[in-house]
Amino acid sequence: MPRGEEERARRFFGDVLGMIEIPKPPELAKRGGCWFASGDVQIHLGAEDDFRPARKAHPALRCTSYSHLLMRLAENGVAVVEVSDIPGVRRSHISDPFGNRIELIAD
């Protein structure tokens, strides 16, 4: 994520995706960025001065309330691209506020 954009990350990962922010260890907190968790999954966003979004490489998140999450994303203006290239798997792609790709998979 770009340096200084922690509040945007908190709004997206916390308010929209429903993840909980977890504290970074003090030594790492000095570098900026923020960490989030949902169940056993954690996403660590590091801050970079020369940030470039990951548009191809991405995390895939298995979602127990997939349909509800898609509705919440739409309500918050997040573009959702549903894909059907894996038979029997309901999944979609979104981008975080910084342009990083995230895959959502229905559980």
PDB file of N, CA and C in Angstrom:
ATOM      1  N   MET A   1       0.838  -1.174   0.000  1.00  0.00           N
ATOM      2  CA  MET A   1       0.000   0.000   0.000  1.00  0.00           C
ATOM      3  C   MET A   1       0.888   1.245   0.000  1.00  0.00           C
ATOM      4  N   PRO A   2       0.396   2.338  -0.529  1.00  0.00           N
ATOM      5  CA  PRO A   2       1.182   3.577  -0.484  1.00  0.00           C
ATOM      6  C   PRO A   2       1.351   4.068   0.959  1.00  0.00           C
ATOM      7  N   ARG A   3       2.484   4.629   1.232  1.00  0.00           N
ATOM      8  CA  ARG A   3       2.765   5.154   2.569  1.00  0.00           C
ATOM      9  C   ARG A   3       1.718   6.215   2.943  1.00  0.00           C
ATOM     10  N   GLY A   4       1.264   6.152   4.178  1.00  0.00           N
ATOM     11  CA  GLY A   4       0.327   7.155   4.688  1.00  0.00           C
ATOM     12  C   GLY A   4      -1.141   6.874   4.384  1.00  0.00           C
ATOM     13  N   GLU A   5      -1.462   5.733   3.811  1.00  0.00           N
ATOM     14  CA  GLU A   5      -2.842   5.427   3.420  1.00  0.00           C
ATOM     15  C   GLU A   5      -3.521   4.425   4.372  1.00  0.00           C
ATOM     16  N   GLU A   6      -3.078   4.369   5.600  1.00  0.00           N
ATOM     17  CA  GLU A   6      -3.624   3.411   6.560  1.00  0.00           C
ATOM     18  C   GLU A   6      -5.127   3.594   6.779  1.00  0.00           C
ATOM     19  N   GLU A   7      -5.609   4.834   6.817  1.00  0.00           N
ATOM     20  CA  GLU A   7      -7.045   5.047   7.049  1.00  0.00           C
ATOM     21  C   GLU A   7      -7.882   4.488   5.898  1.00  0.00           C
ATOM     22  N   ARG A   8      -7.422   4.636   4.674  1.00  0.00           N
ATOM     23  CA  ARG A   8      -8.137   4.033   3.532  1.00  0.00           C
ATOM     24  C   ARG A   8      -8.149   2.517   3.655  1.00  0.00           C
ATOM     25  N   ALA A   9      -7.044   1.944   4.088  1.00  0.00           N
ATOM     26  CA  ALA A   9      -6.973   0.491   4.280  1.00  0.00           C
ATOM     27  C   ALA A   9      -7.937   0.060   5.379  1.00  0.00           C
ATOM     28  N   ARG A  10      -8.012   0.809   6.453  1.00  0.00           N
ATOM     29  CA  ARG A  10      -8.916   0.465   7.558  1.00  0.00           C
ATOM     30  C   ARG A  10     -10.377   0.514   7.110  1.00  0.00           C
ATOM     31  N   ARG A  11     -10.723   1.526   6.329  1.00  0.00           N
ATOM     32  CA  ARG A  11     -12.105   1.618   5.841  1.00  0.00           C
ATOM     33  C   ARG A  11     -12.448   0.420   4.955  1.00  0.00           C
ATOM     34  N   PHE A  12     -11.541   0.049   4.052  1.00  0.00           N
ATOM     35  CA  PHE A  12     -11.828  -1.047   3.120  1.00  0.00           C
ATOM     36  C   PHE A  12     -11.780  -2.408   3.808  1.00  0.00           C
ATOM     37  N   PHE A  13     -10.651  -2.744   4.410  1.00  0.00           N
ATOM     38  CA  PHE A  13     -10.494  -4.078   4.992  1.00  0.00           C
ATOM     39  C   PHE A  13     -11.332  -4.244   6.264  1.00  0.00           C
ATOM     40  N   GLY A  14     -11.469  -3.184   7.044  1.00  0.00           N
ATOM     41  CA  GLY A  14     -12.257  -3.261   8.262  1.00  0.00           C
ATOM     42  C   GLY A  14     -13.740  -3.044   8.017  1.00  0.00           C
ATOM     43  N   ASP A  15     -14.102  -1.870   7.533  1.00  0.00           N
ATOM     44  CA  ASP A  15     -15.516  -1.519   7.383  1.00  0.00           C
ATOM     45  C   ASP A  15     -16.210  -2.289   6.256  1.00  0.00           C
ATOM     46  N   VAL A  16     -15.567  -2.424   5.110  1.00  0.00           N
ATOM     47  CA  VAL A  16     -16.214  -3.064   3.960  1.00  0.00           C
ATOM     48  C   VAL A  16     -16.072  -4.584   4.005  1.00  0.00           C
ATOM     49  N   LEU A  17     -14.852  -5.085   4.147  1.00  0.00           N
ATOM     50  CA  LEU A  17     -14.657  -6.538   4.153  1.00  0.00           C
ATOM     51  C   LEU A  17     -14.989  -7.178   5.498  1.00  0.00           C
ATOM     52  N   GLY A  18     -15.055  -6.377   6.550  1.00  0.00           N
ATOM     53  CA  GLY A  18     -15.416  -6.904   7.863  1.00  0.00           C
ATOM     54  C   GLY A  18     -14.280  -7.588   8.603  1.00  0.00           C
ATOM     55  N   MET A  19     -13.043  -7.296   8.208  1.00  0.00           N
ATOM     56  CA  MET A  19     -11.896  -7.871   8.903  1.00  0.00           C
ATOM     57  C   MET A  19     -11.591  -7.031  10.144  1.00  0.00           C
ATOM     58  N   ILE A  20     -10.849  -7.607  11.058  1.00  0.00           N
ATOM     59  CA  ILE A  20     -10.475  -6.920  12.295  1.00  0.00           C
ATOM     60  C   ILE A  20      -9.008  -6.525  12.214  1.00  0.00           C
ATOM     61  N   GLU A  21      -8.731  -5.266  12.522  1.00  0.00           N
ATOM     62  CA  GLU A  21      -7.324  -4.846  12.529  1.00  0.00           C
ATOM     63  C   GLU A  21      -6.632  -5.463  13.738  1.00  0.00           C
ATOM     64  N   ILE A  22      -5.458  -6.003  13.493  1.00  0.00           N
ATOM     65  CA  ILE A  22      -4.650  -6.563  14.574  1.00  0.00           C
ATOM     66  C   ILE A  22      -3.381  -5.729  14.695  1.00  0.00           C
ATOM     67  N   PRO A  23      -2.877  -5.572  15.917  1.00  0.00           N
ATOM     68  CA  PRO A  23      -1.695  -4.720  16.081  1.00  0.00           C
ATOM     69  C   PRO A  23      -0.445  -5.350  15.477  1.00  0.00           C
ATOM     70  N   LYS A  24       0.342  -4.502  14.844  1.00  0.00           N
ATOM     71  CA  LYS A  24       1.650  -4.935  14.361  1.00  0.00           C
ATOM     72  C   LYS A  24       2.618  -4.901  15.540  1.00  0.00           C
ATOM     73  N   PRO A  25       3.616  -5.757  15.546  1.00  0.00           N
ATOM     74  CA  PRO A  25       4.649  -5.642  16.584  1.00  0.00           C
ATOM     75  C   PRO A  25       5.252  -4.236  16.549  1.00  0.00           C
ATOM     76  N   PRO A  26       5.587  -3.669  17.714  1.00  0.00           N
ATOM     77  CA  PRO A  26       6.058  -2.279  17.762  1.00  0.00           C
ATOM     78  C   PRO A  26       7.182  -1.955  16.780  1.00  0.00           C
ATOM     79  N   GLU A  27       8.142  -2.851  16.639  1.00  0.00           N
ATOM     80  CA  GLU A  27       9.261  -2.576  15.727  1.00  0.00           C
ATOM     81  C   GLU A  27       8.783  -2.477  14.275  1.00  0.00           C
ATOM     82  N   LEU A  28       7.817  -3.301  13.899  1.00  0.00           N
ATOM     83  CA  LEU A  28       7.282  -3.264  12.536  1.00  0.00           C
ATOM     84  C   LEU A  28       6.305  -2.114  12.344  1.00  0.00           C
ATOM     85  N   ALA A  29       5.614  -1.710  13.387  1.00  0.00           N
ATOM     86  CA  ALA A  29       4.645  -0.612  13.290  1.00  0.00           C
ATOM     87  C   ALA A  29       5.317   0.688  12.868  1.00  0.00           C
ATOM     88  N   LYS A  30       6.590   0.845  13.193  1.00  0.00           N
ATOM     89  CA  LYS A  30       7.333   2.052  12.819  1.00  0.00           C
ATOM     90  C   LYS A  30       7.409   2.224  11.298  1.00  0.00           C
ATOM     91  N   ARG A  31       7.279   1.118  10.564  1.00  0.00           N
ATOM     92  CA  ARG A  31       7.401   1.148   9.098  1.00  0.00           C
ATOM     93  C   ARG A  31       6.116   1.573   8.404  1.00  0.00           C
ATOM     94  N   GLY A  32       5.021   1.673   9.150  1.00  0.00           N
ATOM     95  CA  GLY A  32       3.732   1.997   8.546  1.00  0.00           C
ATOM     96  C   GLY A  32       3.024   0.736   8.089  1.00  0.00           C
ATOM     97  N   GLY A  33       1.874   0.920   7.437  1.00  0.00           N
ATOM     98  CA  GLY A  33       1.068  -0.207   7.007  1.00  0.00           C
ATOM     99  C   GLY A  33       0.169  -0.678   8.130  1.00  0.00           C
ATOM    100  N   CYS A  34      -0.607  -1.725   7.881  1.00  0.00           N
ATOM    101  CA  CYS A  34      -1.483  -2.280   8.897  1.00  0.00           C
ATOM    102  C   CYS A  34      -1.830  -3.730   8.569  1.00  0.00           C
ATOM    103  N   TRP A  35      -2.239  -4.451   9.601  1.00  0.00           N
ATOM    104  CA  TRP A  35      -2.554  -5.869   9.475  1.00  0.00           C
ATOM    105  C   TRP A  35      -4.012  -6.100   9.830  1.00  0.00           C
ATOM    106  N   PHE A  36      -4.624  -7.087   9.150  1.00  0.00           N
ATOM    107  CA  PHE A  36      -6.027  -7.415   9.383  1.00  0.00           C
ATOM    108  C   PHE A  36      -6.182  -8.928   9.478  1.00  0.00           C
ATOM    109  N   ALA A  37      -7.235  -9.362  10.185  1.00  0.00           N
ATOM    110  CA  ALA A  37      -7.496 -10.795  10.336  1.00  0.00           C
ATOM    111  C   ALA A  37      -8.987 -11.069  10.216  1.00  0.00           C
ATOM    112  N   SER A  38      -9.280 -12.282   9.748  1.00  0.00           N
ATOM    113  CA  SER A  38     -10.635 -12.816   9.740  1.00  0.00           C
ATOM    114  C   SER A  38     -10.496 -14.314   9.907  1.00  0.00           C
ATOM    115  N   GLY A  39     -10.955 -14.836  11.042  1.00  0.00           N
ATOM    116  CA  GLY A  39     -10.745 -16.254  11.325  1.00  0.00           C
ATOM    117  C   GLY A  39      -9.255 -16.544  11.409  1.00  0.00           C
ATOM    118  N   ASP A  40      -8.810 -17.552  10.677  1.00  0.00           N
ATOM    119  CA  ASP A  40      -7.394 -17.933  10.679  1.00  0.00           C
ATOM    120  C   ASP A  40      -6.561 -17.175   9.652  1.00  0.00           C
ATOM    121  N   VAL A  41      -7.203 -16.305   8.876  1.00  0.00           N
ATOM    122  CA  VAL A  41      -6.527 -15.602   7.783  1.00  0.00           C
ATOM    123  C   VAL A  41      -6.051 -14.229   8.245  1.00  0.00           C
ATOM    124  N   GLN A  42      -4.846 -13.882   7.841  1.00  0.00           N
ATOM    125  CA  GLN A  42      -4.325 -12.542   8.092  1.00  0.00           C
ATOM    126  C   GLN A  42      -3.855 -11.936   6.774  1.00  0.00           C
ATOM    127  N   ILE A  43      -4.065 -10.640   6.635  1.00  0.00           N
ATOM    128  CA  ILE A  43      -3.521  -9.880   5.509  1.00  0.00           C
ATOM    129  C   ILE A  43      -2.637  -8.798   6.099  1.00  0.00           C
ATOM    130  N   HIS A  44      -1.379  -8.768   5.669  1.00  0.00           N
ATOM    131  CA  HIS A  44      -0.419  -7.778   6.143  1.00  0.00           C
ATOM    132  C   HIS A  44      -0.144  -6.800   5.003  1.00  0.00           C
ATOM    133  N   LEU A  45      -0.502  -5.553   5.215  1.00  0.00           N
ATOM    134  CA  LEU A  45      -0.252  -4.509   4.225  1.00  0.00           C
ATOM    135  C   LEU A  45       0.963  -3.706   4.651  1.00  0.00           C
ATOM    136  N   GLY A  46       2.006  -3.795   3.872  1.00  0.00           N
ATOM    137  CA  GLY A  46       3.201  -3.011   4.128  1.00  0.00           C
ATOM    138  C   GLY A  46       3.146  -1.716   3.334  1.00  0.00           C
ATOM    139  N   ALA A  47       3.695  -0.656   3.883  1.00  0.00           N
ATOM    140  CA  ALA A  47       3.711   0.646   3.217  1.00  0.00           C
ATOM    141  C   ALA A  47       4.999   0.793   2.411  1.00  0.00           C
ATOM    142  N   GLU A  48       4.843   1.284   1.188  1.00  0.00           N
ATOM    143  CA  GLU A  48       5.995   1.476   0.302  1.00  0.00           C
ATOM    144  C   GLU A  48       5.961   2.870  -0.307  1.00  0.00           C
ATOM    145  N   ASP A  49       7.135   3.508  -0.380  1.00  0.00           N
ATOM    146  CA  ASP A  49       7.227   4.812  -1.041  1.00  0.00           C
ATOM    147  C   ASP A  49       7.005   4.676  -2.545  1.00  0.00           C
ATOM    148  N   ASP A  50       7.566   3.643  -3.142  1.00  0.00           N
ATOM    149  CA  ASP A  50       7.467   3.416  -4.587  1.00  0.00           C
ATOM    150  C   ASP A  50       6.446   2.299  -4.853  1.00  0.00           C
ATOM    151  N   PHE A  51       5.227   2.480  -4.341  1.00  0.00           N
ATOM    152  CA  PHE A  51       4.212   1.445  -4.410  1.00  0.00           C
ATOM    153  C   PHE A  51       3.724   1.198  -5.839  1.00  0.00           C
ATOM    154  N   ARG A  52       3.588  -0.083  -6.166  1.00  0.00           N
ATOM    155  CA  ARG A  52       2.937  -0.516  -7.413  1.00  0.00           C
ATOM    156  C   ARG A  52       1.969  -1.636  -7.048  1.00  0.00           C
ATOM    157  N   PRO A  53       0.697  -1.534  -7.451  1.00  0.00           N
ATOM    158  CA  PRO A  53      -0.268  -2.556  -7.061  1.00  0.00           C
ATOM    159  C   PRO A  53       0.014  -3.907  -7.710  1.00  0.00           C
ATOM    160  N   ALA A  54      -0.371  -4.968  -6.996  1.00  0.00           N
ATOM    161  CA  ALA A  54      -0.284  -6.331  -7.520  1.00  0.00           C
ATOM    162  C   ALA A  54      -1.586  -6.608  -8.270  1.00  0.00           C
ATOM    163  N   ARG A  55      -1.531  -6.550  -9.587  1.00  0.00           N
ATOM    164  CA  ARG A  55      -2.735  -6.727 -10.398  1.00  0.00           C
ATOM    165  C   ARG A  55      -2.938  -8.166 -10.849  1.00  0.00           C
ATOM    166  N   LYS A  56      -1.904  -8.987 -10.803  1.00  0.00           N
ATOM    167  CA  LYS A  56      -2.008 -10.385 -11.213  1.00  0.00           C
ATOM    168  C   LYS A  56      -1.887 -11.306  -9.988  1.00  0.00           C
ATOM    169  N   ALA A  57      -0.760 -11.256  -9.306  1.00  0.00           N
ATOM    170  CA  ALA A  57      -0.585 -12.054  -8.087  1.00  0.00           C
ATOM    171  C   ALA A  57      -1.577 -11.550  -7.048  1.00  0.00           C
ATOM    172  N   HIS A  58      -2.191 -12.471  -6.300  1.00  0.00           N
ATOM    173  CA  HIS A  58      -3.238 -12.039  -5.378  1.00  0.00           C
ATOM    174  C   HIS A  58      -3.526 -13.093  -4.316  1.00  0.00           C
ATOM    175  N   PRO A  59      -4.060 -12.648  -3.175  1.00  0.00           N
ATOM    176  CA  PRO A  59      -4.568 -13.616  -2.197  1.00  0.00           C
ATOM    177  C   PRO A  59      -5.965 -14.054  -2.630  1.00  0.00           C
ATOM    178  N   ALA A  60      -6.340 -15.255  -2.250  1.00  0.00           N
ATOM    179  CA  ALA A  60      -7.700 -15.751  -2.450  1.00  0.00           C
ATOM    180  C   ALA A  60      -8.303 -15.977  -1.076  1.00  0.00           C
ATOM    181  N   LEU A  61      -9.458 -15.401  -0.837  1.00  0.00           N
ATOM    182  CA  LEU A  61     -10.116 -15.497   0.452  1.00  0.00           C
ATOM    183  C   LEU A  61     -11.392 -16.325   0.323  1.00  0.00           C
ATOM    184  N   ARG A  62     -11.497 -17.386   1.097  1.00  0.00           N
ATOM    185  CA  ARG A  62     -12.697 -18.220   1.115  1.00  0.00           C
ATOM    186  C   ARG A  62     -13.711 -17.534   2.036  1.00  0.00           C
ATOM    187  N   CYS A  63     -14.917 -17.300   1.530  1.00  0.00           N
ATOM    188  CA  CYS A  63     -15.920 -16.503   2.236  1.00  0.00           C
ATOM    189  C   CYS A  63     -17.142 -17.342   2.584  1.00  0.00           C
ATOM    190  N   THR A  64     -17.496 -17.393   3.869  1.00  0.00           N
ATOM    191  CA  THR A  64     -18.668 -18.158   4.286  1.00  0.00           C
ATOM    192  C   THR A  64     -19.969 -17.423   3.962  1.00  0.00           C
ATOM    193  N   SER A  65     -19.951 -16.110   3.945  1.00  0.00           N
ATOM    194  CA  SER A  65     -21.136 -15.302   3.617  1.00  0.00           C
ATOM    195  C   SER A  65     -20.898 -14.569   2.303  1.00  0.00           C
ATOM    196  N   TYR A  66     -20.565 -15.331   1.275  1.00  0.00           N
ATOM    197  CA  TYR A  66     -20.152 -14.785  -0.019  1.00  0.00           C
ATOM    198  C   TYR A  66     -21.201 -13.825  -0.597  1.00  0.00           C
ATOM    199  N   SER A  67     -22.462 -14.254  -0.696  1.00  0.00           N
ATOM    200  CA  SER A  67     -23.508 -13.409  -1.292  1.00  0.00           C
ATOM    201  C   SER A  67     -23.694 -12.121  -0.504  1.00  0.00           C
ATOM    202  N   HIS A  68     -23.683 -12.221   0.809  1.00  0.00           N
ATOM    203  CA  HIS A  68     -23.805 -11.030   1.659  1.00  0.00           C
ATOM    204  C   HIS A  68     -22.627 -10.081   1.428  1.00  0.00           C
ATOM    205  N   LEU A  69     -21.426 -10.640   1.315  1.00  0.00           N
ATOM    206  CA  LEU A  69     -20.247  -9.815   1.083  1.00  0.00           C
ATOM    207  C   LEU A  69     -20.349  -9.098  -0.262  1.00  0.00           C
ATOM    208  N   LEU A  70     -20.803  -9.796  -1.298  1.00  0.00           N
ATOM    209  CA  LEU A  70     -20.948  -9.150  -2.611  1.00  0.00           C
ATOM    210  C   LEU A  70     -21.936  -7.990  -2.542  1.00  0.00           C
ATOM    211  N   MET A  71     -23.023  -8.155  -1.783  1.00  0.00           N
ATOM    212  CA  MET A  71     -23.982  -7.054  -1.625  1.00  0.00           C
ATOM    213  C   MET A  71     -23.333  -5.878  -0.913  1.00  0.00           C
ATOM    214  N   ARG A  72     -22.557  -6.159   0.151  1.00  0.00           N
ATOM    215  CA  ARG A  72     -21.889  -5.080   0.891  1.00  0.00           C
ATOM    216  C   ARG A  72     -20.864  -4.364   0.012  1.00  0.00           C
ATOM    217  N   LEU A  73     -20.152  -5.128  -0.820  1.00  0.00           N
ATOM    218  CA  LEU A  73     -19.194  -4.506  -1.737  1.00  0.00           C
ATOM    219  C   LEU A  73     -19.910  -3.575  -2.703  1.00  0.00           C
ATOM    220  N   ALA A  74     -21.029  -4.042  -3.276  1.00  0.00           N
ATOM    221  CA  ALA A  74     -21.795  -3.210  -4.211  1.00  0.00           C
ATOM    222  C   ALA A  74     -22.299  -1.942  -3.529  1.00  0.00           C
ATOM    223  N   GLU A  75     -22.795  -2.067  -2.305  1.00  0.00           N
ATOM    224  CA  GLU A  75     -23.284  -0.904  -1.548  1.00  0.00           C
ATOM    225  C   GLU A  75     -22.187   0.124  -1.310  1.00  0.00           C
ATOM    226  N   ASN A  76     -20.935  -0.334  -1.283  1.00  0.00           N
ATOM    227  CA  ASN A  76     -19.800   0.558  -1.042  1.00  0.00           C
ATOM    228  C   ASN A  76     -19.068   0.945  -2.321  1.00  0.00           C
ATOM    229  N   GLY A  77     -19.671   0.644  -3.468  1.00  0.00           N
ATOM    230  CA  GLY A  77     -19.105   1.072  -4.745  1.00  0.00           C
ATOM    231  C   GLY A  77     -17.887   0.292  -5.203  1.00  0.00           C
ATOM    232  N   VAL A  78     -17.695  -0.905  -4.667  1.00  0.00           N
ATOM    233  CA  VAL A  78     -16.553  -1.732  -5.070  1.00  0.00           C
ATOM    234  C   VAL A  78     -16.965  -2.588  -6.258  1.00  0.00           C
ATOM    235  N   ALA A  79     -16.223  -2.490  -7.352  1.00  0.00           N
ATOM    236  CA  ALA A  79     -16.513  -3.284  -8.543  1.00  0.00           C
ATOM    237  C   ALA A  79     -16.188  -4.747  -8.280  1.00  0.00           C
ATOM    238  N   VAL A  80     -17.130  -5.618  -8.609  1.00  0.00           N
ATOM    239  CA  VAL A  80     -16.962  -7.055  -8.436  1.00  0.00           C
ATOM    240  C   VAL A  80     -17.044  -7.698  -9.819  1.00  0.00           C
ATOM    241  N   VAL A  81     -16.036  -8.469 -10.164  1.00  0.00           N
ATOM    242  CA  VAL A  81     -16.022  -9.183 -11.439  1.00  0.00           C
ATOM    243  C   VAL A  81     -16.157 -10.672 -11.129  1.00  0.00           C
ATOM    244  N   GLU A  82     -17.358 -11.208 -11.364  1.00  0.00           N
ATOM    245  CA  GLU A  82     -17.562 -12.638 -11.135  1.00  0.00           C
ATOM    246  C   GLU A  82     -16.999 -13.405 -12.319  1.00  0.00           C
ATOM    247  N   VAL A  83     -16.340 -14.522 -12.018  1.00  0.00           N
ATOM    248  CA  VAL A  83     -15.744 -15.369 -13.059  1.00  0.00           C
ATOM    249  C   VAL A  83     -16.295 -16.786 -12.921  1.00  0.00           C
ATOM    250  N   SER A  84     -16.394 -17.470 -14.063  1.00  0.00           N
ATOM    251  CA  SER A  84     -16.981 -18.817 -14.054  1.00  0.00           C
ATOM    252  C   SER A  84     -16.086 -19.816 -14.788  1.00  0.00           C
ATOM    253  N   ASP A  85     -14.787 -19.610 -14.702  1.00  0.00           N
ATOM    254  CA  ASP A  85     -13.871 -20.467 -15.453  1.00  0.00           C
ATOM    255  C   ASP A  85     -13.458 -21.734 -14.713  1.00  0.00           C
ATOM    256  N   ILE A  86     -13.908 -21.919 -13.478  1.00  0.00           N
ATOM    257  CA  ILE A  86     -13.669 -23.159 -12.741  1.00  0.00           C
ATOM    258  C   ILE A  86     -15.041 -23.762 -12.445  1.00  0.00           C
ATOM    259  N   PRO A  87     -15.406 -24.843 -13.118  1.00  0.00           N
ATOM    260  CA  PRO A  87     -16.732 -25.440 -12.924  1.00  0.00           C
ATOM    261  C   PRO A  87     -17.009 -25.770 -11.455  1.00  0.00           C
ATOM    262  N   GLY A  88     -18.202 -25.368 -10.998  1.00  0.00           N
ATOM    263  CA  GLY A  88     -18.618 -25.668  -9.643  1.00  0.00           C
ATOM    264  C   GLY A  88     -18.072 -24.747  -8.573  1.00  0.00           C
ATOM    265  N   VAL A  89     -17.319 -23.733  -8.961  1.00  0.00           N
ATOM    266  CA  VAL A  89     -16.734 -22.805  -7.989  1.00  0.00           C
ATOM    267  C   VAL A  89     -17.267 -21.405  -8.256  1.00  0.00           C
ATOM    268  N   ARG A  90     -17.929 -20.842  -7.266  1.00  0.00           N
ATOM    269  CA  ARG A  90     -18.403 -19.462  -7.374  1.00  0.00           C
ATOM    270  C   ARG A  90     -17.314 -18.564  -6.811  1.00  0.00           C
ATOM    271  N   ARG A  91     -16.822 -17.669  -7.674  1.00  0.00           N
ATOM    272  CA  ARG A  91     -15.731 -16.795  -7.238  1.00  0.00           C
ATOM    273  C   ARG A  91     -15.774 -15.488  -8.003  1.00  0.00           C
ATOM    274  N   SER A  92     -15.041 -14.516  -7.498  1.00  0.00           N
ATOM    275  CA  SER A  92     -14.985 -13.197  -8.125  1.00  0.00           C
ATOM    276  C   SER A  92     -13.660 -12.528  -7.780  1.00  0.00           C
ATOM    277  N   HIS A  93     -13.408 -11.428  -8.489  1.00  0.00           N
ATOM    278  CA  HIS A  93     -12.224 -10.624  -8.226  1.00  0.00           C
ATOM    279  C   HIS A  93     -12.665  -9.200  -7.891  1.00  0.00           C
ATOM    280  N   ILE A  94     -11.954  -8.622  -6.944  1.00  0.00           N
ATOM    281  CA  ILE A  94     -12.128  -7.217  -6.596  1.00  0.00           C
ATOM    282  C   ILE A  94     -10.741  -6.602  -6.506  1.00  0.00           C
ATOM    283  N   SER A  95     -10.705  -5.298  -6.366  1.00  0.00           N
ATOM    284  CA  SER A  95      -9.441  -4.601  -6.108  1.00  0.00           C
ATOM    285  C   SER A  95      -9.592  -3.811  -4.824  1.00  0.00           C
ATOM    286  N   ASP A  96      -8.529  -3.805  -4.028  1.00  0.00           N
ATOM    287  CA  ASP A  96      -8.550  -2.958  -2.834  1.00  0.00           C
ATOM    288  C   ASP A  96      -8.400  -1.506  -3.283  1.00  0.00           C
ATOM    289  N   PRO A  97      -8.466  -0.541  -2.378  1.00  0.00           N
ATOM    290  CA  PRO A  97      -8.400   0.869  -2.786  1.00  0.00           C
ATOM    291  C   PRO A  97      -7.089   1.261  -3.473  1.00  0.00           C
ATOM    292  N   PHE A  98      -6.091   0.388  -3.401  1.00  0.00           N
ATOM    293  CA  PHE A  98      -4.782   0.694  -3.961  1.00  0.00           C
ATOM    294  C   PHE A  98      -4.535  -0.029  -5.281  1.00  0.00           C
ATOM    295  N   GLY A  99      -5.535  -0.788  -5.747  1.00  0.00           N
ATOM    296  CA  GLY A  99      -5.411  -1.484  -7.020  1.00  0.00           C
ATOM    297  C   GLY A  99      -4.903  -2.919  -6.918  1.00  0.00           C
ATOM    298  N   ASN A 100      -4.711  -3.419  -5.704  1.00  0.00           N
ATOM    299  CA  ASN A 100      -4.276  -4.813  -5.543  1.00  0.00           C
ATOM    300  C   ASN A 100      -5.458  -5.762  -5.788  1.00  0.00           C
ATOM    301  N   ARG A 101      -5.228  -6.800  -6.540  1.00  0.00           N
ATOM    302  CA  ARG A 101      -6.276  -7.772  -6.847  1.00  0.00           C
ATOM    303  C   ARG A 101      -6.488  -8.711  -5.654  1.00  0.00           C
ATOM    304  N   ILE A 102      -7.770  -9.015  -5.387  1.00  0.00           N
ATOM    305  CA  ILE A 102      -8.149  -9.964  -4.344  1.00  0.00           C
ATOM    306  C   ILE A 102      -9.205 -10.893  -4.945  1.00  0.00           C
ATOM    307  N   GLU A 103      -9.027 -12.181  -4.753  1.00  0.00           N
ATOM    308  CA  GLU A 103     -10.011 -13.159  -5.208  1.00  0.00           C
ATOM    309  C   GLU A 103     -10.889 -13.564  -4.028  1.00  0.00           C
ATOM    310  N   LEU A 104     -12.201 -13.628  -4.255  1.00  0.00           N
ATOM    311  CA  LEU A 104     -13.145 -14.086  -3.250  1.00  0.00           C
ATOM    312  C   LEU A 104     -13.757 -15.388  -3.742  1.00  0.00           C
ATOM    313  N   ILE A 105     -13.788 -16.393  -2.871  1.00  0.00           N
ATOM    314  CA  ILE A 105     -14.312 -17.712  -3.242  1.00  0.00           C
ATOM    315  C   ILE A 105     -15.436 -18.061  -2.265  1.00  0.00           C
ATOM    316  N   ALA A 106     -16.588 -18.459  -2.810  1.00  0.00           N
ATOM    317  CA  ALA A 106     -17.715 -18.864  -1.966  1.00  0.00           C
ATOM    318  C   ALA A 106     -17.374 -20.168  -1.276  1.00  0.00           C
ATOM    319  N   ASP A 107     -17.621 -20.229   0.019  1.00  0.00           N
ATOM    320  CA  ASP A 107     -17.348 -21.430   0.801  1.00  0.00           C
ATOM    321  C   ASP A 107     -18.529 -22.378   0.756  1.00  0.00           C
TER     322      ASP A 107
END
